[in-house]
Amino acid sequence: MKAFLIDRYKKGGALRLGQSPEPQLRENDVMVEIHAASVNLLDAKIRDGEFKLILPYRLPLVLGNDVAGVVVRVGAKVRQFKPGDEVYARPGQDRIGTFAEYIAIDAADIALKPANLSMLEAASIPLVALTAWQVLVERAKLQKGQRVLIHAGSGGVGTVAIQLAKHLGAHVATTTSTANIDLVKGLGADVVVDYKKDDFEKVLKGYDVVLNSLGKDTLEKSLAVLKPGGKLISISGPPDPDFARENGSGWLLQQVMRLLSLGIRRKAKRLGIGYSFVFMTANGAQLGKITSLIEAGAIRPVIDRVFQFAKTNEALDYVETGRAKGKVVVAMK
């Protein structure tokens, strides 16, 4: 099958369009003919080798972390899906490979595609929506009336997280550039801080939760926004000891992650704030709940551009500019 592959880790390197064996179908798997995939910054970081310590892939590797498509075969033990079903998923982190014609995915990681979305729209959802769900619902346990700051509101995670937080009944603040203020307000943001004009840490106070997807400076400044007992949750690092244990990392890697996050954990503790790192995981059951919210109109996809499969490298380059509003999608069909 046609696929875009990494032969070796290289910062900014191009993916190679070539032939790859069709994936093996295990007894709990669903084989999906891919109609669309979306591109995430995670793809660029994997290509660059940033995660090779915690995600030890065997190269050559088919890249891609989001998929929408049609089931063509199911494993012997699969009962909840059948050939012809339209599905979407974020594959398990050890079985990625959506920049291809087919992918085999554990049935537990898949959900039926929302009936009101196209394949292109559905492909934009899984990774960012699961990230938002696992931060706001699972980790933060965000409650009605609480105040949450979502950084980078016009980005892939931000556009979904704003909508999910509003559905949960929270007061939502976000940061974005001047050009994207109307977009994030349209998604439900109550307060918008234009980072080109204002310092968010001087404008916002007394928040319960911050979802950080940006760098170290933004992470540390976010402490000033939170009240004692608040939660600073980062999806961009640094990883903490709890993540290292959950990820099954060895003792040495656990110590490395402990040291990487020591500074921010100490600063947070002095202020009575909890710091944690979330690296989203595949979860078909959670994705099914997200499907219900999409079909009810509580969450809608935001797509910036669509590229044809042959232009996957261009799609990845565009995502790396940081200028995309919402998601960038690759069309197979």
Protein backbone atom coordinates (compact mmCIF):
# COMPACT_ATOMS: atom_id res chain seq x y z
CA MET A 1 0.00 0.00 0.00
CA LYS A 2 1.05 3.64 -0.48
CA ALA A 3 2.28 5.34 2.69
CA PHE A 4 4.37 8.24 3.94
CA LEU A 5 7.27 6.91 5.99
CA ILE A 6 10.12 8.02 8.23
CA ASP A 7 13.36 6.17 7.45
CA ARG A 8 15.37 7.97 10.11
CA TYR A 9 14.74 10.72 12.61
CA LYS A 10 15.68 14.12 11.21
CA LYS A 11 14.54 17.57 12.30
CA GLY A 12 12.49 19.08 9.47
CA GLY A 13 13.08 16.06 7.26
CA ALA A 14 10.66 15.13 4.49
CA LEU A 15 8.55 11.99 4.74
CA ARG A 16 9.14 9.41 2.01
CA LEU A 17 6.21 8.35 -0.16
CA GLY A 18 6.68 4.65 -0.79
CA GLN A 19 5.22 1.18 -0.49
CA SER A 20 4.59 -0.40 2.90
CA PRO A 21 3.15 -3.84 3.70
CA GLU A 22 -0.54 -3.84 4.51
CA PRO A 23 -0.81 -4.02 8.33
CA GLN A 24 -1.46 -7.36 10.01
CA LEU A 25 -4.99 -7.83 11.38
CA ARG A 26 -5.00 -9.15 14.96
CA GLU A 27 -7.98 -10.89 16.54
CA ASN A 28 -9.14 -7.70 18.36
CA ASP A 29 -8.43 -5.40 15.40
CA VAL A 30 -10.46 -3.54 12.83
CA MET A 31 -8.94 -2.94 9.38
CA VAL A 32 -9.84 0.53 8.14
CA GLU A 33 -9.60 1.82 4.59
CA ILE A 34 -8.45 5.38 5.20
CA HIS A 35 -10.49 8.17 3.63
CA ALA A 36 -8.89 11.07 5.53
CA ALA A 37 -6.26 11.79 8.15
CA SER A 38 -5.31 14.95 9.96
CA VAL A 39 -1.90 16.38 10.71
CA ASN A 40 -0.75 17.25 14.23
CA LEU A 41 2.35 18.87 15.68
CA LEU A 42 2.88 15.48 17.31
CA ASP A 43 3.68 14.11 13.85
CA ALA A 44 6.47 16.63 13.39
CA LYS A 45 7.86 15.93 16.85
CA ILE A 46 7.90 12.18 16.19
CA ARG A 47 9.65 12.77 12.83
CA ASP A 48 12.22 15.00 14.54
CA GLY A 49 12.98 12.29 17.12
CA GLU A 50 11.75 14.31 20.10
CA PHE A 51 9.83 11.34 21.54
CA LYS A 52 12.21 8.51 20.72
CA LEU A 53 12.95 7.91 24.41
CA ILE A 54 9.31 7.44 25.42
CA LEU A 55 8.00 6.16 22.05
CA PRO A 56 10.66 3.73 20.78
CA TYR A 57 9.35 3.10 17.26
CA ARG A 58 10.93 0.68 14.84
CA LEU A 59 11.93 2.42 11.60
CA PRO A 60 10.86 2.75 8.84
CA LEU A 61 7.66 4.08 10.40
CA VAL A 62 4.38 5.09 8.77
CA LEU A 63 3.46 8.43 10.35
CA GLY A 64 -0.01 9.77 11.20
CA ASN A 65 -2.15 9.90 14.37
CA ASP A 66 -5.75 10.63 13.25
CA VAL A 67 -8.02 8.69 10.91
CA ALA A 68 -11.51 8.52 9.44
CA GLY A 69 -12.50 5.74 7.10
CA VAL A 70 -14.51 2.60 6.41
CA VAL A 71 -14.13 -0.81 8.04
CA VAL A 72 -13.14 -3.45 5.47
CA ARG A 73 -12.35 -6.42 7.77
CA VAL A 74 -12.58 -7.27 11.47
CA GLY A 75 -10.60 -9.65 13.67
CA ALA A 76 -12.04 -12.91 14.97
CA LYS A 77 -12.98 -11.47 18.38
CA VAL A 78 -14.49 -8.17 17.20
CA ARG A 79 -18.26 -7.90 17.62
CA GLN A 80 -18.99 -4.16 17.85
CA PHE A 81 -17.89 -3.25 14.30
CA LYS A 82 -18.56 -4.77 10.87
CA PRO A 83 -17.39 -4.17 7.30
CA GLY A 84 -18.97 -1.03 5.89
CA ASP A 85 -19.06 0.89 9.19
CA GLU A 86 -17.82 4.46 8.97
CA VAL A 87 -15.42 5.02 11.88
CA TYR A 88 -12.82 7.40 13.24
CA ALA A 89 -9.98 7.01 15.72
CA ARG A 90 -6.71 8.06 17.21
CA PRO A 91 -4.76 4.76 17.00
CA GLY A 92 -2.79 3.53 20.00
CA GLN A 93 0.57 5.31 20.25
CA ASP A 94 2.43 2.08 19.48
CA ARG A 95 0.36 1.46 16.31
CA ILE A 96 0.19 4.79 14.51
CA GLY A 97 0.31 5.04 10.71
CA THR A 98 -2.64 6.95 9.23
CA PHE A 99 -0.71 8.54 6.34
CA ALA A 100 -1.42 5.39 4.34
CA GLU A 101 -4.18 3.55 2.48
CA TYR A 102 -5.02 1.14 5.32
CA ILE A 103 -4.49 0.79 9.06
CA ALA A 104 -5.27 -1.93 11.60
CA ILE A 105 -6.51 -0.52 14.91
CA ASP A 106 -7.56 -2.17 18.16
CA ALA A 107 -11.38 -2.12 18.28
CA ALA A 108 -11.20 -0.56 21.77
CA ASP A 109 -9.65 2.58 20.24
CA ILE A 110 -12.33 3.17 17.58
CA ALA A 111 -15.75 4.85 17.53
CA LEU A 112 -18.44 5.22 14.91
CA LYS A 113 -18.02 8.42 12.92
CA PRO A 114 -20.44 11.21 13.89
CA ALA A 115 -23.35 11.02 11.47
CA ASN A 116 -23.35 14.78 10.88
CA LEU A 117 -19.66 14.99 9.87
CA SER A 118 -17.93 14.28 6.58
CA MET A 119 -14.86 12.03 6.53
CA LEU A 120 -12.64 15.12 6.28
CA GLU A 121 -14.32 16.73 9.29
CA ALA A 122 -14.25 13.51 11.32
CA ALA A 123 -10.52 13.01 10.70
CA SER A 124 -9.83 16.38 12.32
CA ILE A 125 -11.34 15.39 15.65
CA PRO A 126 -9.90 12.36 17.51
CA LEU A 127 -6.47 13.39 18.83
CA VAL A 128 -7.38 16.97 19.76
CA ALA A 129 -10.81 16.08 21.20
CA LEU A 130 -9.41 13.22 23.26
CA THR A 131 -6.67 15.55 24.51
CA ALA A 132 -9.25 18.14 25.56
CA TRP A 133 -11.42 15.44 27.19
CA GLN A 134 -8.54 13.86 29.10
CA VAL A 135 -7.34 17.25 30.38
CA LEU A 136 -10.67 18.88 31.24
CA VAL A 137 -12.89 15.94 32.17
CA GLU A 138 -10.49 13.26 33.39
CA ARG A 139 -7.63 15.25 34.94
CA ALA A 140 -9.12 18.65 35.85
CA LYS A 141 -12.62 17.31 36.60
CA LEU A 142 -13.86 20.70 35.42
CA GLN A 143 -17.14 21.71 37.06
CA LYS A 144 -19.93 24.11 36.14
CA GLY A 145 -19.05 27.65 37.18
CA GLN A 146 -15.31 27.05 37.39
CA ARG A 147 -12.89 29.28 35.50
CA VAL A 148 -10.49 27.81 32.95
CA LEU A 149 -7.78 29.40 30.81
CA ILE A 150 -7.11 27.59 27.53
CA HIS A 151 -3.95 28.77 25.81
CA ALA A 152 -3.73 28.96 22.01
CA GLY A 153 -7.49 28.98 21.57
CA SER A 154 -7.38 29.00 17.77
CA GLY A 155 -5.20 25.88 17.55
CA GLY A 156 -6.28 22.28 17.11
CA VAL A 157 -6.68 21.45 20.80
CA GLY A 158 -7.81 24.94 21.72
CA THR A 159 -10.76 25.09 19.32
CA VAL A 160 -12.20 21.85 20.75
CA ALA A 161 -11.26 22.56 24.38
CA ILE A 162 -13.11 25.90 24.37
CA GLN A 163 -16.28 24.20 23.14
CA LEU A 164 -15.98 21.30 25.59
CA ALA A 165 -15.34 23.64 28.54
CA LYS A 166 -18.42 25.70 27.63
CA HIS A 167 -20.49 22.51 27.38
CA LEU A 168 -19.31 21.62 30.90
CA GLY A 169 -20.57 25.02 32.11
CA ALA A 170 -17.21 26.67 32.76
CA HIS A 171 -16.21 30.31 32.36
CA VAL A 172 -13.61 30.21 29.58
CA ALA A 173 -10.70 32.52 28.89
CA THR A 174 -8.27 32.00 26.03
CA THR A 175 -5.20 33.54 24.43
CA THR A 176 -4.89 34.13 20.70
CA SER A 177 -3.69 36.66 18.14
CA THR A 178 -5.67 39.65 16.91
CA ALA A 179 -6.70 37.89 13.70
CA ASN A 180 -8.37 35.00 15.55
CA ILE A 181 -10.40 36.86 18.18
CA ASP A 182 -13.72 36.47 16.34
CA LEU A 183 -13.07 32.76 15.79
CA VAL A 184 -12.53 31.93 19.47
CA LYS A 185 -15.43 34.13 20.57
CA GLY A 186 -17.61 32.22 18.12
CA LEU A 187 -16.54 28.96 19.76
CA GLY A 188 -17.69 30.24 23.15
CA ALA A 189 -14.74 32.00 24.82
CA ASP A 190 -15.96 34.46 27.46
CA VAL A 191 -12.67 36.36 27.77
CA VAL A 192 -10.10 36.68 24.98
CA VAL A 193 -6.59 37.96 25.63
CA ASP A 194 -4.79 39.19 22.52
CA TYR A 195 -1.23 38.11 23.25
CA LYS A 196 0.10 40.70 20.81
CA LYS A 197 -1.35 43.50 22.96
CA ASP A 198 -1.64 42.21 26.54
CA ASP A 199 0.13 39.95 29.02
CA PHE A 200 -2.38 37.30 30.03
CA GLU A 201 -0.82 36.88 33.50
CA LYS A 202 -1.54 40.56 34.26
CA VAL A 203 -5.12 40.44 32.97
CA LEU A 204 -6.41 37.16 34.41
CA LYS A 205 -6.61 36.15 38.10
CA GLY A 206 -8.37 33.59 40.28
CA TYR A 207 -8.66 30.75 37.77
CA ASP A 208 -9.25 27.11 38.69
CA VAL A 209 -7.58 25.41 35.72
CA VAL A 210 -5.05 26.28 33.01
CA LEU A 211 -4.57 24.09 29.93
CA ASN A 212 -1.09 24.85 28.62
CA SER A 213 0.04 23.82 25.14
CA LEU A 214 2.85 26.35 24.75
CA GLY A 215 6.44 26.75 25.97
CA LYS A 216 8.21 27.10 29.31
CA ASP A 217 7.68 30.87 29.66
CA THR A 218 3.92 30.58 29.19
CA LEU A 219 3.82 27.61 31.55
CA GLU A 220 5.52 29.50 34.38
CA LYS A 221 3.55 32.72 33.82
CA SER A 222 0.34 30.66 34.05
CA LEU A 223 0.99 30.09 37.76
CA ALA A 224 0.07 33.75 38.37
CA VAL A 225 -3.38 33.18 36.87
CA LEU A 226 -4.34 30.32 39.18
CA LYS A 227 -5.75 30.53 42.67
CA PRO A 228 -4.49 28.27 45.50
CA GLY A 229 -5.78 24.77 44.88
CA GLY A 230 -5.81 25.40 41.14
CA LYS A 231 -4.52 22.98 38.52
CA LEU A 232 -1.87 23.70 35.89
CA ILE A 233 -2.10 20.96 33.26
CA SER A 234 0.35 20.92 30.37
CA ILE A 235 0.23 18.89 27.16
CA SER A 236 3.57 20.25 25.95
CA GLY A 237 5.69 19.24 28.91
CA PRO A 238 7.74 18.90 30.87
CA PRO A 239 6.70 15.32 31.71
CA ASP A 240 6.35 14.52 35.40
CA PRO A 241 7.08 11.40 37.50
CA ASP A 242 3.43 10.26 37.41
CA PHE A 243 3.51 10.22 33.62
CA ALA A 244 6.79 8.30 33.66
CA ARG A 245 5.24 5.61 35.84
CA GLU A 246 2.03 5.44 33.79
CA ASN A 247 4.09 5.18 30.60
CA GLY A 248 6.02 2.21 31.98
CA SER A 249 9.33 4.06 31.74
CA GLY A 250 12.37 2.51 33.38
CA TRP A 251 13.97 3.86 36.56
CA LEU A 252 16.53 6.01 34.73
CA LEU A 253 13.96 7.65 32.48
CA GLN A 254 11.71 8.24 35.49
CA GLN A 255 14.56 10.15 37.15
CA VAL A 256 15.16 12.20 33.99
CA MET A 257 11.48 13.20 33.87
CA ARG A 258 11.51 13.97 37.58
CA LEU A 259 14.41 16.39 37.01
CA LEU A 260 12.85 17.95 33.89
CA SER A 261 9.71 18.91 35.79
CA LEU A 262 11.32 19.65 39.17
CA GLY A 263 11.42 23.43 38.68
CA ILE A 264 7.78 23.92 37.71
CA ARG A 265 6.56 21.40 40.30
CA ARG A 266 8.41 23.25 43.08
CA LYS A 267 7.11 26.66 41.99
CA ALA A 268 3.57 25.31 41.76
CA LYS A 269 3.77 23.63 45.17
CA ARG A 270 4.90 26.86 46.86
CA LEU A 271 1.74 28.52 45.54
CA GLY A 272 -0.53 25.62 46.50
CA ILE A 273 -1.08 24.72 42.85
CA GLY A 274 -0.99 21.25 41.33
CA TYR A 275 1.12 20.63 38.22
CA SER A 276 0.62 17.66 35.91
CA PHE A 277 1.51 16.58 32.39
CA VAL A 278 -0.97 14.84 30.08
CA PHE A 279 0.10 12.79 27.07
CA MET A 280 -3.19 11.78 25.51
CA THR A 281 -3.98 8.12 24.90
CA ALA A 282 -6.30 6.34 22.48
CA ASN A 283 -9.74 5.63 23.92
CA GLY A 284 -12.71 4.54 21.85
CA ALA A 285 -15.18 4.82 24.73
CA GLN A 286 -14.29 8.48 25.33
CA LEU A 287 -14.40 9.12 21.60
CA GLY A 288 -17.92 7.68 21.58
CA LYS A 289 -18.95 10.28 24.17
CA ILE A 290 -17.38 12.99 22.03
CA THR A 291 -19.38 11.65 19.06
CA SER A 292 -22.58 12.24 21.05
CA LEU A 293 -21.55 15.84 21.78
CA ILE A 294 -20.77 16.45 18.10
CA GLU A 295 -24.09 14.99 16.96
CA ALA A 296 -25.87 17.16 19.57
CA GLY A 297 -24.17 20.28 18.20
CA ALA A 298 -22.08 21.00 21.31
CA ILE A 299 -18.78 20.58 19.43
CA ARG A 300 -18.02 21.36 15.81
CA PRO A 301 -14.79 20.83 13.87
CA VAL A 302 -12.66 23.74 12.76
CA ILE A 303 -10.63 23.01 9.62
CA ASP A 304 -8.09 25.42 8.17
CA ARG A 305 -6.95 23.60 5.01
CA VAL A 306 -7.31 20.29 3.20
CA PHE A 307 -4.36 18.77 1.29
CA GLN A 308 -4.42 15.81 -1.07
CA PHE A 309 -2.51 12.72 0.08
CA ALA A 310 0.41 13.37 -2.29
CA LYS A 311 0.90 16.76 -0.57
CA THR A 312 1.25 15.34 2.96
CA ASN A 313 4.71 16.87 3.39
CA GLU A 314 3.29 20.27 2.51
CA ALA A 315 0.52 19.76 5.05
CA LEU A 316 3.10 18.97 7.72
CA ASP A 317 5.13 22.05 6.81
CA TYR A 318 2.02 24.22 7.12
CA VAL A 319 1.14 22.84 10.55
CA GLU A 320 4.68 23.62 11.71
CA THR A 321 4.22 27.32 10.87
CA GLY A 322 1.83 27.54 13.84
CA ARG A 323 -0.59 29.62 11.80
CA ALA A 324 -3.30 27.02 11.24
CA LYS A 325 -6.74 27.82 12.65
CA GLY A 326 -8.04 24.52 13.95
CA LYS A 327 -6.89 21.47 12.01
CA VAL A 328 -5.15 20.58 8.75
CA VAL A 329 -6.54 17.51 6.99
CA VAL A 330 -5.16 15.11 4.37
CA ALA A 331 -7.69 13.62 1.91
CA MET A 332 -7.07 10.10 0.64
CA LYS A 333 -10.24 9.95 -1.46
